[in-house]
Protein backbone atom coordinates (compact mmCIF):
# COMPACT_ATOMS: atom_id res chain seq x y z
CA MET A 1 -50.63 31.23 -27.08
CA LYS A 2 -53.14 28.71 -28.44
CA TRP A 3 -56.03 29.55 -26.14
CA GLN A 4 -56.95 30.96 -22.73
CA VAL A 5 -60.07 30.26 -20.67
CA SER A 6 -61.23 31.78 -17.38
CA LEU A 7 -63.18 29.44 -15.10
CA GLY A 8 -63.86 32.18 -12.55
CA GLY A 9 -62.48 32.67 -9.06
CA LEU A 10 -61.95 29.71 -6.74
CA ALA A 11 -62.31 30.30 -3.00
CA LYS A 12 -60.04 27.94 -1.04
CA ALA A 13 -59.72 29.21 2.55
CA GLY A 14 -57.36 31.90 1.30
CA LEU A 15 -54.89 29.29 0.02
CA GLY A 16 -55.85 29.20 -3.67
CA PRO A 17 -56.38 26.12 -5.84
CA GLY A 18 -54.09 23.11 -5.57
CA THR A 19 -55.53 20.48 -7.91
CA SER A 20 -53.60 19.73 -11.09
CA PRO A 21 -55.21 19.30 -14.53
CA VAL A 22 -55.89 15.76 -15.79
CA ILE A 23 -55.72 14.75 -19.46
CA TYR A 24 -58.09 12.12 -20.82
CA GLU A 25 -57.92 11.49 -24.57
CA GLY A 26 -58.72 14.90 -26.11
CA LEU A 27 -59.93 16.47 -22.86
CA LEU A 28 -58.34 18.60 -20.16
CA ILE A 29 -60.25 18.02 -16.91
CA LEU A 30 -60.20 20.34 -13.88
CA GLN A 31 -61.76 19.86 -10.44
CA CYS A 32 -62.92 23.27 -9.20
CA ASP A 33 -64.35 22.91 -5.70
CA GLN A 34 -65.26 26.07 -3.79
CA GLU A 35 -64.76 27.02 -0.14
CA MET A 36 -68.11 25.82 1.24
CA GLY A 37 -69.35 23.81 -1.77
CA ASP A 38 -71.64 26.39 -3.35
CA GLY A 39 -70.61 26.69 -7.00
CA SER A 40 -68.24 23.69 -7.04
CA PHE A 41 -67.86 21.84 -10.34
CA ILE A 42 -65.71 19.60 -12.53
CA VAL A 43 -65.21 20.73 -16.10
CA ALA A 44 -63.71 19.16 -19.22
CA LEU A 45 -62.24 21.36 -21.95
CA ASP A 46 -61.15 20.46 -25.46
CA ARG A 47 -57.42 20.48 -24.95
CA LEU A 48 -56.72 21.84 -28.43
CA THR A 49 -59.25 24.69 -28.46
CA GLY A 50 -60.21 25.32 -24.81
CA GLU A 51 -63.88 24.86 -25.69
CA GLU A 52 -65.99 23.51 -22.82
CA VAL A 53 -67.13 19.94 -23.54
CA TRP A 54 -68.93 19.12 -20.30
CA ARG A 55 -69.44 20.55 -16.82
CA VAL A 56 -70.88 18.85 -13.73
CA SER A 57 -71.99 20.73 -10.61
CA ARG A 58 -70.87 19.39 -7.22
CA LYS A 59 -71.91 19.95 -3.60
CA ASN A 60 -68.42 19.25 -2.25
CA ARG A 61 -66.57 21.92 -0.33
CA ARG A 62 -62.94 22.89 -0.89
CA SER A 63 -60.56 20.23 -2.18
CA TRP A 64 -56.91 20.33 -3.21
CA ALA A 65 -56.56 16.71 -4.35
CA THR A 66 -56.09 15.99 -8.07
CA PRO A 67 -58.68 13.61 -9.62
CA LEU A 68 -57.39 10.15 -10.49
CA LEU A 69 -58.05 8.21 -13.71
CA VAL A 70 -58.34 4.45 -13.14
CA GLN A 71 -59.34 1.40 -15.18
CA ALA A 72 -62.09 -0.85 -13.79
CA GLY A 73 -64.29 -3.45 -15.43
CA GLY A 74 -63.44 -2.41 -18.98
CA ARG A 75 -64.13 1.27 -18.37
CA THR A 76 -62.24 4.36 -17.22
CA GLU A 77 -63.32 6.06 -14.02
CA LEU A 78 -62.41 9.60 -12.96
CA VAL A 79 -62.30 9.46 -9.15
CA ALA A 80 -62.59 12.83 -7.41
CA ALA A 81 -61.87 13.56 -3.76
CA GLY A 82 -64.34 15.13 -1.40
CA ALA A 83 -64.86 15.54 2.33
CA GLU A 84 -68.57 14.76 2.01
CA ALA A 85 -68.24 12.01 -0.62
CA VAL A 86 -65.76 10.41 -3.01
CA LEU A 87 -67.31 10.38 -6.49
CA ALA A 88 -66.42 8.64 -9.75
CA TYR A 89 -67.38 10.07 -13.14
CA ASP A 90 -67.26 8.95 -16.75
CA PRO A 91 -64.39 11.16 -17.96
CA ALA A 92 -65.82 11.30 -21.51
CA THR A 93 -69.20 12.72 -20.48
CA GLY A 94 -69.09 13.74 -16.81
CA ARG A 95 -71.86 11.27 -15.91
CA GLU A 96 -71.68 10.16 -12.28
CA LEU A 97 -70.85 6.45 -11.96
CA TRP A 98 -70.80 6.03 -8.19
CA ARG A 99 -70.38 7.84 -4.90
CA ALA A 100 -68.95 6.55 -1.62
CA ASN A 101 -67.94 7.73 1.82
CA GLY A 102 -65.97 10.97 1.90
CA VAL A 103 -62.65 11.56 3.65
CA GLN A 104 -64.29 13.98 6.14
CA SER A 105 -61.10 16.04 6.62
CA HIS A 106 -59.76 18.46 3.99
CA PRO A 107 -59.08 16.45 0.78
CA ILE A 108 -55.44 17.35 0.16
CA PRO A 109 -53.43 14.13 -0.36
CA SER A 110 -53.81 12.54 -3.80
CA PHE A 111 -55.54 9.17 -4.11
CA VAL A 112 -53.66 6.05 -5.24
CA ALA A 113 -55.10 2.96 -6.92
CA GLY A 114 -54.30 -0.72 -7.40
CA HIS A 115 -55.60 -4.22 -6.66
CA GLY A 116 -58.99 -3.14 -8.03
CA MET A 117 -59.35 -0.43 -5.41
CA VAL A 118 -58.78 3.27 -4.91
CA TYR A 119 -57.24 4.38 -1.60
CA ALA A 120 -58.45 7.72 -0.23
CA THR A 121 -56.80 9.54 2.68
CA ALA A 122 -56.99 12.84 4.53
CA GLY A 123 -55.54 14.10 7.79
CA SER A 124 -56.50 17.62 8.80
CA GLN A 125 -59.21 17.63 11.48
CA ALA A 126 -59.46 13.83 11.58
CA LYS A 127 -57.30 10.98 10.28
CA ARG A 128 -59.05 8.97 7.58
CA ALA A 129 -57.99 6.21 5.17
CA LEU A 130 -60.38 4.01 3.25
CA ALA A 131 -60.20 1.52 0.40
CA ILE A 132 -63.03 1.63 -2.13
CA ARG A 133 -63.56 -1.16 -4.66
CA LEU A 134 -63.71 0.16 -8.21
CA GLY A 135 -66.32 -0.69 -10.83
CA GLY A 136 -69.37 -0.03 -8.65
CA SER A 137 -72.58 1.81 -9.45
CA GLY A 138 -74.82 4.23 -7.58
CA ASP A 139 -74.55 5.04 -3.87
CA LEU A 140 -71.85 2.86 -2.28
CA THR A 141 -71.85 4.60 1.11
CA ASP A 142 -71.12 2.07 3.89
CA SER A 143 -71.66 -0.77 1.40
CA PRO A 144 -69.45 -3.84 0.89
CA GLN A 145 -67.65 -1.79 -1.79
CA ILE A 146 -65.86 -0.08 1.12
CA ALA A 147 -63.21 -2.77 1.59
CA TRP A 148 -61.68 -1.38 4.78
CA ARG A 149 -61.06 1.74 6.87
CA TYR A 150 -58.14 2.88 9.02
CA ASN A 151 -58.33 6.02 11.17
CA LYS A 152 -54.74 6.76 12.15
CA GLY A 153 -51.44 7.79 10.59
CA THR A 154 -52.60 9.94 7.66
CA ALA A 155 -51.06 13.27 6.64
CA TYR A 156 -52.40 16.77 6.17
CA VAL A 157 -50.34 17.25 2.97
CA PRO A 158 -48.21 14.26 1.80
CA SER A 159 -49.96 11.56 -0.21
CA PRO A 160 -49.80 7.85 0.64
CA ILE A 161 -47.97 5.40 -1.60
CA LEU A 162 -49.04 1.96 -2.80
CA TYR A 163 -46.04 -0.26 -3.49
CA GLY A 164 -46.55 -3.95 -4.16
CA GLN A 165 -48.98 -5.45 -1.68
CA TYR A 166 -48.61 -2.69 0.91
CA LEU A 167 -50.08 0.78 1.37
CA TYR A 168 -47.84 3.20 3.26
CA LEU A 169 -49.26 6.18 5.13
CA MET A 170 -46.90 8.95 6.25
CA THR A 171 -47.69 11.74 8.69
CA ASP A 172 -46.39 15.29 8.22
CA ALA A 173 -43.70 14.40 10.78
CA GLY A 174 -42.55 11.37 8.78
CA LEU A 175 -44.11 8.61 10.90
CA LEU A 176 -44.83 5.63 8.66
CA THR A 177 -47.70 3.15 8.84
CA CYS A 178 -47.69 0.03 6.66
CA LEU A 179 -51.01 -1.67 5.85
CA ASP A 180 -51.86 -4.71 3.79
CA ALA A 181 -53.46 -3.08 0.76
CA LEU A 182 -56.04 -5.84 0.25
CA THR A 183 -57.29 -6.20 3.81
CA GLY A 184 -56.14 -3.09 5.68
CA ALA A 185 -54.36 -5.32 8.21
CA LEU A 186 -51.73 -3.38 10.15
CA GLN A 187 -48.12 -4.45 9.48
CA TYR A 188 -46.46 -1.70 11.54
CA GLU A 189 -47.10 1.85 12.70
CA GLY A 190 -44.97 4.67 14.07
CA GLY A 191 -41.93 3.91 11.90
CA ARG A 192 -39.62 6.87 12.55
CA VAL A 193 -36.92 8.71 10.65
CA PRO A 194 -33.73 9.23 12.72
CA VAL A 195 -34.09 13.01 13.24
CA PRO A 196 -37.08 15.31 13.85
CA ALA A 197 -38.46 16.45 10.49
CA THR A 198 -41.44 17.95 8.70
CA PHE A 199 -42.63 16.67 5.32
CA THR A 200 -44.51 18.31 2.48
CA ALA A 201 -43.19 16.05 -0.29
CA SER A 202 -44.87 12.68 -0.77
CA PRO A 203 -42.89 9.42 -0.57
CA VAL A 204 -41.72 7.67 -3.74
CA ALA A 205 -40.52 4.08 -4.23
CA PHE A 206 -37.87 2.19 -6.20
CA GLU A 207 -36.07 -1.17 -5.98
CA ASP A 208 -37.87 -2.29 -2.79
CA LEU A 209 -37.08 1.00 -1.07
CA LEU A 210 -39.09 4.06 -0.08
CA LEU A 211 -37.63 7.56 -0.31
CA LEU A 212 -38.92 10.21 2.11
CA THR A 213 -37.64 13.78 1.57
CA SER A 214 -38.13 16.35 4.32
CA GLU A 215 -38.54 20.11 4.15
CA ASP A 216 -34.92 20.38 5.37
CA GLY A 217 -33.77 18.57 2.23
CA ASP A 218 -32.88 15.32 4.00
CA SER A 219 -33.79 12.13 2.15
CA PHE A 220 -34.40 8.99 4.20
CA VAL A 221 -34.18 5.65 2.41
CA VAL A 222 -36.54 3.18 4.08
CA ARG A 223 -36.81 -0.55 3.46
CA ALA A 224 -40.13 -1.47 1.82
CA GLY A 225 -42.15 -4.31 3.28
CA PRO A 226 -43.80 -5.21 6.58
CA THR A 227 -40.74 -4.41 8.72
CA HIS A 228 -39.58 -0.81 9.10
CA GLY A 229 -35.93 0.09 8.74
CA VAL A 230 -34.01 3.21 7.67
CA VAL A 231 -31.22 2.16 5.31
CA ARG A 232 -29.54 5.48 4.57
CA THR A 233 -29.86 9.25 5.02
CA ASN A 234 -28.66 11.85 2.50
CA SER A 235 -29.13 15.62 2.14
CA VAL A 236 -29.17 18.11 -0.73
CA GLY A 237 -28.43 20.97 1.66
CA GLU A 238 -31.46 23.15 0.93
CA PRO A 239 -35.21 23.09 1.59
CA VAL A 240 -37.37 20.71 -0.45
CA TYR A 241 -41.16 20.88 -0.71
CA ALA A 242 -41.84 19.08 -4.02
CA SER A 243 -42.10 15.30 -4.28
CA PRO A 244 -39.07 13.64 -5.89
CA ALA A 245 -39.45 12.10 -9.37
CA ILE A 246 -37.76 8.92 -10.60
CA ALA A 247 -36.97 8.35 -14.29
CA GLY A 248 -34.24 6.72 -16.36
CA GLY A 249 -32.36 5.40 -13.35
CA ARG A 250 -32.15 8.82 -11.69
CA ILE A 251 -33.87 10.55 -8.80
CA TYR A 252 -34.79 14.17 -9.47
CA ILE A 253 -35.22 16.45 -6.46
CA ARG A 254 -36.39 20.05 -6.85
CA GLY A 255 -34.89 22.10 -4.05
CA GLU A 256 -35.48 25.71 -3.14
CA ARG A 257 -32.59 26.87 -5.36
CA HIS A 258 -31.52 23.90 -7.51
CA LEU A 259 -32.76 20.87 -9.41
CA PHE A 260 -30.75 17.79 -8.45
CA ALA A 261 -30.34 14.70 -10.63
CA ILE A 262 -28.99 11.81 -8.57
CA GLY A 263 -27.84 8.51 -10.05
CA ALA A 264 -25.37 5.72 -9.42
CA PRO A 265 -21.73 6.47 -10.35
CA ALA A 266 -20.57 5.20 -13.73
CA GLY A 267 -19.85 1.48 -13.67
CA ARG A 268 -22.02 0.80 -10.61
CA ARG A 269 -25.45 0.63 -12.28
């Protein structure tokens, strides 16, 4: 063991923490939001020694979304989820760069970024999706930096996916909404998978297709673009809760009992 650091207990409605660590240059960054906001913070540790480099207090209540590192205007921004506010920090120092409207519901889905914007969603008590232009400064609440809002179709757990010019929202039941990522214009909503299903895994994309994997282990291949269509359905035969990963021409699916590596048969790639 190289080092071990205790950051204290994290109260999260009895569910425990869910944010993953983020690495920026020589730092390991952790978002540590507490149940009702009292004692919440983001901290950066030296990833070689565990020594604390910076710590910033927050007012935000419980969050399970992992912070997102994005490039904007020649700088790196660390964008952190929050029900009360979405905030961006300088990852090297912890200095606050900007704050914008929060997601209001529990921040569980991860943010995605592209087209000069970050897309924030949540879907517990209320359904919220908003696009925030990157590179701002100060308080951006209800300013023109909020490019658009959409208040339907978001999930409690699964994250959205940005693929090409479209942002796809998926509910926990697998209903898909497709929005123009630049304008928020609705392309379609209520796109269904062919059987009733519940989803914890987030969608992934490849070769103009979306892959949605349900808790039953069924994978639904959906055509990307402004028209919904299910192309194929496959199953690994056991429960799946983790999001699939795609690398080296293979899809990796972590089931309840096995790790599956799925690729095209030899000679068909």
